[in-house]
Amino acid sequence: DFVAWLRSELDRVGATIPVEQQDEARRFFHRAVALEKAFFDAVYTER
């Protein structure tokens, strides 16, 4: 299942990020999720 694979990849790669870069990586991830949500909210609005 794609979601399980993606989650395991994020966990695997996330564990390799140096401590001093983890906050920046977290901010990028949260921003990407927010943009993706906004995209799908805009595409699938009720008419």
PDB file of N, CA and C in Angstrom:
ATOM      1  N   ASP A   1       0.846  -1.179   0.000  1.00  0.00           N
ATOM      2  CA  ASP A   1       0.000   0.000   0.000  1.00  0.00           C
ATOM      3  C   ASP A   1       0.888   1.239   0.000  1.00  0.00           C
ATOM      4  N   PHE A   2       0.537   2.189  -0.847  1.00  0.00           N
ATOM      5  CA  PHE A   2       1.380   3.362  -1.073  1.00  0.00           C
ATOM      6  C   PHE A   2       1.580   4.196   0.185  1.00  0.00           C
ATOM      7  N   VAL A   3       0.526   4.397   0.945  1.00  0.00           N
ATOM      8  CA  VAL A   3       0.629   5.236   2.147  1.00  0.00           C
ATOM      9  C   VAL A   3       1.610   4.627   3.146  1.00  0.00           C
ATOM     10  N   ALA A   4       1.531   3.329   3.339  1.00  0.00           N
ATOM     11  CA  ALA A   4       2.452   2.658   4.265  1.00  0.00           C
ATOM     12  C   ALA A   4       3.894   2.781   3.770  1.00  0.00           C
ATOM     13  N   TRP A   5       4.091   2.611   2.464  1.00  0.00           N
ATOM     14  CA  TRP A   5       5.437   2.732   1.903  1.00  0.00           C
ATOM     15  C   TRP A   5       5.963   4.154   2.096  1.00  0.00           C
ATOM     16  N   LEU A   6       5.130   5.153   1.769  1.00  0.00           N
ATOM     17  CA  LEU A   6       5.565   6.542   1.896  1.00  0.00           C
ATOM     18  C   LEU A   6       5.905   6.876   3.345  1.00  0.00           C
ATOM     19  N   ARG A   7       5.073   6.427   4.253  1.00  0.00           N
ATOM     20  CA  ARG A   7       5.337   6.673   5.679  1.00  0.00           C
ATOM     21  C   ARG A   7       6.672   6.050   6.095  1.00  0.00           C
ATOM     22  N   SER A   8       6.926   4.820   5.664  1.00  0.00           N
ATOM     23  CA  SER A   8       8.182   4.161   6.039  1.00  0.00           C
ATOM     24  C   SER A   8       9.383   4.868   5.413  1.00  0.00           C
ATOM     25  N   GLU A   9       9.225   5.371   4.195  1.00  0.00           N
ATOM     26  CA  GLU A   9      10.316   6.117   3.558  1.00  0.00           C
ATOM     27  C   GLU A   9      10.584   7.433   4.288  1.00  0.00           C
ATOM     28  N   LEU A  10       9.529   8.136   4.658  1.00  0.00           N
ATOM     29  CA  LEU A  10       9.716   9.385   5.404  1.00  0.00           C
ATOM     30  C   LEU A  10      10.392   9.126   6.745  1.00  0.00           C
ATOM     31  N   ASP A  11       9.986   8.060   7.420  1.00  0.00           N
ATOM     32  CA  ASP A  11      10.622   7.700   8.693  1.00  0.00           C
ATOM     33  C   ASP A  11      12.085   7.328   8.488  1.00  0.00           C
ATOM     34  N   ARG A  12      12.366   6.561   7.432  1.00  0.00           N
ATOM     35  CA  ARG A  12      13.731   6.108   7.159  1.00  0.00           C
ATOM     36  C   ARG A  12      14.634   7.293   6.835  1.00  0.00           C
ATOM     37  N   VAL A  13      14.196   8.128   5.917  1.00  0.00           N
ATOM     38  CA  VAL A  13      15.018   9.265   5.504  1.00  0.00           C
ATOM     39  C   VAL A  13      15.090  10.310   6.616  1.00  0.00           C
ATOM     40  N   GLY A  14      13.981  10.519   7.302  1.00  0.00           N
ATOM     41  CA  GLY A  14      13.960  11.495   8.389  1.00  0.00           C
ATOM     42  C   GLY A  14      14.962  11.173   9.478  1.00  0.00           C
ATOM     43  N   ALA A  15      15.173   9.901   9.712  1.00  0.00           N
ATOM     44  CA  ALA A  15      16.117   9.486  10.755  1.00  0.00           C
ATOM     45  C   ALA A  15      17.562   9.819  10.391  1.00  0.00           C
ATOM     46  N   THR A  16      17.828  10.106   9.122  1.00  0.00           N
ATOM     47  CA  THR A  16      19.199  10.405   8.691  1.00  0.00           C
ATOM     48  C   THR A  16      19.504  11.901   8.666  1.00  0.00           C
ATOM     49  N   ILE A  17      18.494  12.733   8.909  1.00  0.00           N
ATOM     50  CA  ILE A  17      18.691  14.184   8.860  1.00  0.00           C
ATOM     51  C   ILE A  17      19.431  14.629  10.125  1.00  0.00           C
ATOM     52  N   PRO A  18      20.520  15.369   9.950  1.00  0.00           N
ATOM     53  CA  PRO A  18      21.251  15.852  11.128  1.00  0.00           C
ATOM     54  C   PRO A  18      20.347  16.686  12.038  1.00  0.00           C
ATOM     55  N   VAL A  19      20.582  16.586  13.327  1.00  0.00           N
ATOM     56  CA  VAL A  19      19.753  17.262  14.330  1.00  0.00           C
ATOM     57  C   VAL A  19      19.611  18.752  14.018  1.00  0.00           C
ATOM     58  N   GLU A  20      20.696  19.387  13.603  1.00  0.00           N
ATOM     59  CA  GLU A  20      20.650  20.829  13.358  1.00  0.00           C
ATOM     60  C   GLU A  20      19.808  21.201  12.129  1.00  0.00           C
ATOM     61  N   GLN A  21      19.425  20.221  11.313  1.00  0.00           N
ATOM     62  CA  GLN A  21      18.597  20.491  10.132  1.00  0.00           C
ATOM     63  C   GLN A  21      17.163  19.980  10.276  1.00  0.00           C
ATOM     64  N   GLN A  22      16.850  19.331  11.383  1.00  0.00           N
ATOM     65  CA  GLN A  22      15.528  18.725  11.540  1.00  0.00           C
ATOM     66  C   GLN A  22      14.401  19.750  11.599  1.00  0.00           C
ATOM     67  N   ASP A  23      14.604  20.873  12.265  1.00  0.00           N
ATOM     68  CA  ASP A  23      13.546  21.892  12.329  1.00  0.00           C
ATOM     69  C   ASP A  23      13.235  22.441  10.940  1.00  0.00           C
ATOM     70  N   GLU A  24      14.269  22.698  10.160  1.00  0.00           N
ATOM     71  CA  GLU A  24      14.058  23.200   8.802  1.00  0.00           C
ATOM     72  C   GLU A  24      13.332  22.165   7.946  1.00  0.00           C
ATOM     73  N   ALA A  25      13.732  20.909   8.047  1.00  0.00           N
ATOM     74  CA  ALA A  25      13.070  19.841   7.294  1.00  0.00           C
ATOM     75  C   ALA A  25      11.607  19.717   7.708  1.00  0.00           C
ATOM     76  N   ARG A  26      11.343  19.836   8.989  1.00  0.00           N
ATOM     77  CA  ARG A  26       9.964  19.769   9.497  1.00  0.00           C
ATOM     78  C   ARG A  26       9.121  20.903   8.931  1.00  0.00           C
ATOM     79  N   ARG A  27       9.688  22.106   8.884  1.00  0.00           N
ATOM     80  CA  ARG A  27       8.959  23.259   8.327  1.00  0.00           C
ATOM     81  C   ARG A  27       8.669  23.057   6.838  1.00  0.00           C
ATOM     82  N   PHE A  28       9.650  22.558   6.089  1.00  0.00           N
ATOM     83  CA  PHE A  28       9.430  22.276   4.667  1.00  0.00           C
ATOM     84  C   PHE A  28       8.324  21.242   4.483  1.00  0.00           C
ATOM     85  N   PHE A  29       8.353  20.196   5.290  1.00  0.00           N
ATOM     86  CA  PHE A  29       7.342  19.142   5.187  1.00  0.00           C
ATOM     87  C   PHE A  29       5.951  19.699   5.483  1.00  0.00           C
ATOM     88  N   HIS A  30       5.814  20.458   6.558  1.00  0.00           N
ATOM     89  CA  HIS A  30       4.509  21.028   6.918  1.00  0.00           C
ATOM     90  C   HIS A  30       4.015  21.978   5.836  1.00  0.00           C
ATOM     91  N   ARG A  31       4.929  22.762   5.264  1.00  0.00           N
ATOM     92  CA  ARG A  31       4.552  23.681   4.180  1.00  0.00           C
ATOM     93  C   ARG A  31       4.090  22.896   2.949  1.00  0.00           C
ATOM     94  N   ALA A  32       4.790  21.835   2.604  1.00  0.00           N
ATOM     95  CA  ALA A  32       4.406  21.020   1.450  1.00  0.00           C
ATOM     96  C   ALA A  32       3.033  20.393   1.652  1.00  0.00           C
ATOM     97  N   VAL A  33       2.767  19.901   2.846  1.00  0.00           N
ATOM     98  CA  VAL A  33       1.458  19.307   3.140  1.00  0.00           C
ATOM     99  C   VAL A  33       0.363  20.366   3.056  1.00  0.00           C
ATOM    100  N   ALA A  34       0.614  21.554   3.582  1.00  0.00           N
ATOM    101  CA  ALA A  34      -0.380  22.633   3.526  1.00  0.00           C
ATOM    102  C   ALA A  34      -0.670  23.034   2.082  1.00  0.00           C
ATOM    103  N   LEU A  35       0.368  23.127   1.256  1.00  0.00           N
ATOM    104  CA  LEU A  35       0.163  23.478  -0.150  1.00  0.00           C
ATOM    105  C   LEU A  35      -0.597  22.390  -0.896  1.00  0.00           C
ATOM    106  N   GLU A  36      -0.279  21.139  -0.623  1.00  0.00           N
ATOM    107  CA  GLU A  36      -0.997  20.042  -1.272  1.00  0.00           C
ATOM    108  C   GLU A  36      -2.466  20.041  -0.864  1.00  0.00           C
ATOM    109  N   LYS A  37      -2.740  20.261   0.400  1.00  0.00           N
ATOM    110  CA  LYS A  37      -4.128  20.317   0.868  1.00  0.00           C
ATOM    111  C   LYS A  37      -4.869  21.465   0.201  1.00  0.00           C
ATOM    112  N   ALA A  38      -4.234  22.629   0.123  1.00  0.00           N
ATOM    113  CA  ALA A  38      -4.862  23.785  -0.523  1.00  0.00           C
ATOM    114  C   ALA A  38      -5.148  23.496  -1.991  1.00  0.00           C
ATOM    115  N   PHE A  39      -4.231  22.815  -2.657  1.00  0.00           N
ATOM    116  CA  PHE A  39      -4.443  22.456  -4.058  1.00  0.00           C
ATOM    117  C   PHE A  39      -5.684  21.585  -4.211  1.00  0.00           C
ATOM    118  N   PHE A  40      -5.766  20.517  -3.435  1.00  0.00           N
ATOM    119  CA  PHE A  40      -6.907  19.613  -3.570  1.00  0.00           C
ATOM    120  C   PHE A  40      -8.204  20.259  -3.101  1.00  0.00           C
ATOM    121  N   ASP A  41      -8.142  21.117  -2.094  1.00  0.00           N
ATOM    122  CA  ASP A  41      -9.338  21.855  -1.681  1.00  0.00           C
ATOM    123  C   ASP A  41      -9.838  22.731  -2.827  1.00  0.00           C
ATOM    124  N   ALA A  42      -8.922  23.366  -3.556  1.00  0.00           N
ATOM    125  CA  ALA A  42      -9.309  24.236  -4.672  1.00  0.00           C
ATOM    126  C   ALA A  42      -9.850  23.438  -5.853  1.00  0.00           C
ATOM    127  N   VAL A  43      -9.256  22.295  -6.119  1.00  0.00           N
ATOM    128  CA  VAL A  43      -9.671  21.485  -7.267  1.00  0.00           C
ATOM    129  C   VAL A  43     -11.020  20.824  -7.030  1.00  0.00           C
ATOM    130  N   TYR A  44     -11.265  20.396  -5.818  1.00  0.00           N
ATOM    131  CA  TYR A  44     -12.478  19.636  -5.528  1.00  0.00           C
ATOM    132  C   TYR A  44     -13.529  20.451  -4.776  1.00  0.00           C
ATOM    133  N   THR A  45     -13.661  21.720  -5.124  1.00  0.00           N
ATOM    134  CA  THR A  45     -14.712  22.524  -4.506  1.00  0.00           C
ATOM    135  C   THR A  45     -16.054  22.172  -5.130  1.00  0.00           C
ATOM    136  N   GLU A  46     -17.096  22.317  -4.352  1.00  0.00           N
ATOM    137  CA  GLU A  46     -18.434  22.051  -4.886  1.00  0.00           C
ATOM    138  C   GLU A  46     -18.849  23.217  -5.755  1.00  0.00           C
ATOM    139  N   ARG A  47     -19.546  22.912  -6.812  1.00  0.00           N
ATOM    140  CA  ARG A  47     -19.983  23.957  -7.750  1.00  0.00           C
ATOM    141  C   ARG A  47     -21.441  24.224  -7.581  1.00  0.00           C
TER     142      ARG A  47
END
